[in-house]
Amino acid sequence: LGWDKLNHAAAFMTMAFCGHFAFRERPRASFWVVFLLMALGLAIELVQLGVPGRDADVMDLLADGIGLASGLVLAMGLARRLDRRKRPRKRSR
């Protein structure tokens, strides 16, 4: 997307959005999506410490978190709308 931080945010937003729908029927699904994706982001940054020409950046983790939160908010909003559409409508007389 032209800017490293935006790439991080977009990737983690996509993973959080998909993760929410993949695990939404399970208890504490949002917690696990957040926990595992932030662990992935941290692992990526830590691995980069040992890769020549790469460096770890706390701002990348921040961008990951912003993307993650955005993806969950979008997914939860869409899930709520979809759930409302599934409910049978009350008939008025």
Protein backbone atom coordinates (compact mmCIF):
# COMPACT_ATOMS: atom_id res chain seq x y z
CA LEU A 1 0.00 0.00 0.00
CA GLY A 2 3.04 2.22 -0.14
CA TRP A 3 3.69 2.67 3.57
CA ASP A 4 5.02 -0.07 5.85
CA LYS A 5 2.75 0.78 8.78
CA LEU A 6 -0.32 0.80 6.56
CA ASN A 7 0.71 -2.62 5.23
CA HIS A 8 0.91 -3.93 8.80
CA ALA A 9 -2.46 -2.45 9.73
CA ALA A 10 -4.16 -3.79 6.59
CA ALA A 11 -2.74 -7.30 7.06
CA PHE A 12 -3.76 -7.52 10.72
CA MET A 13 -7.16 -5.98 10.01
CA THR A 14 -7.79 -8.70 7.43
CA MET A 15 -6.61 -11.48 9.74
CA ALA A 16 -8.71 -10.17 12.66
CA PHE A 17 -11.79 -9.85 10.45
CA CYS A 18 -11.41 -13.41 9.15
CA GLY A 19 -10.45 -14.72 12.59
CA HIS A 20 -13.60 -13.31 14.13
CA PHE A 21 -15.82 -15.15 11.67
CA ALA A 22 -13.75 -18.32 11.81
CA PHE A 23 -14.05 -18.63 15.58
CA ARG A 24 -17.09 -16.55 16.49
CA GLU A 25 -19.12 -19.50 17.79
CA ARG A 26 -16.44 -20.37 20.35
CA PRO A 27 -16.33 -18.88 23.86
CA ARG A 28 -13.94 -15.94 24.26
CA ALA A 29 -13.20 -15.96 20.53
CA SER A 30 -12.30 -12.27 20.38
CA PHE A 31 -9.81 -12.68 23.22
CA TRP A 32 -8.04 -15.53 21.42
CA VAL A 33 -8.01 -13.71 18.09
CA VAL A 34 -6.41 -10.66 19.72
CA PHE A 35 -3.98 -12.70 21.82
CA LEU A 36 -2.78 -14.94 18.99
CA LEU A 37 -2.47 -12.20 16.40
CA MET A 38 -0.55 -9.92 18.75
CA ALA A 39 1.70 -12.87 19.59
CA LEU A 40 2.26 -13.35 15.85
CA GLY A 41 3.11 -9.67 15.42
CA LEU A 42 5.57 -9.82 18.32
CA ALA A 43 7.14 -13.02 16.97
CA ILE A 44 7.62 -11.42 13.56
CA GLU A 45 9.38 -8.44 15.13
CA LEU A 46 11.58 -10.63 17.32
CA VAL A 47 12.60 -12.82 14.37
CA GLN A 48 13.63 -9.71 12.46
CA LEU A 49 16.26 -8.99 15.13
CA GLY A 50 18.26 -11.90 13.74
CA VAL A 51 17.74 -11.16 10.05
CA PRO A 52 20.49 -9.10 8.38
CA GLY A 53 19.12 -5.90 6.88
CA ARG A 54 15.93 -6.01 8.98
CA ASP A 55 15.14 -4.53 12.35
CA ALA A 56 12.38 -4.82 14.94
CA ASP A 57 10.10 -1.81 15.27
CA VAL A 58 7.67 -1.12 18.10
CA MET A 59 5.68 1.08 15.74
CA ASP A 60 5.02 -1.99 13.58
CA LEU A 61 3.45 -3.65 16.63
CA LEU A 62 1.33 -0.54 17.19
CA ALA A 63 0.18 -0.65 13.56
CA ASP A 64 -0.61 -4.37 14.00
CA GLY A 65 -2.74 -3.54 17.05
CA ILE A 66 -4.58 -0.73 15.29
CA GLY A 67 -5.34 -3.00 12.35
CA LEU A 68 -6.41 -5.79 14.67
CA ALA A 69 -8.82 -3.53 16.56
CA SER A 70 -10.23 -2.13 13.32
CA GLY A 71 -10.79 -5.60 11.88
CA LEU A 72 -12.58 -6.79 15.01
CA VAL A 73 -14.82 -3.72 15.15
CA LEU A 74 -15.78 -4.16 11.50
CA ALA A 75 -16.35 -7.91 11.89
CA MET A 76 -18.42 -7.53 15.06
CA GLY A 77 -20.56 -4.83 13.44
CA LEU A 78 -21.17 -6.95 10.37
CA ALA A 79 -21.89 -10.04 12.50
CA ARG A 80 -24.45 -8.09 14.51
CA ARG A 81 -26.20 -6.96 11.32
CA LEU A 82 -26.19 -10.49 9.91
CA ASP A 83 -27.58 -11.90 13.17
CA ARG A 84 -30.40 -9.35 13.12
CA ARG A 85 -31.34 -10.38 9.58
CA LYS A 86 -31.56 -14.05 10.62
CA ARG A 87 -34.08 -13.45 13.40
CA PRO A 88 -37.69 -13.98 12.43
CA ARG A 89 -39.65 -10.78 12.23
CA LYS A 90 -42.57 -10.22 14.52
CA ARG A 91 -45.77 -9.89 12.62
CA SER A 92 -47.81 -6.83 13.36
CA ARG A 93 -51.55 -6.85 12.95
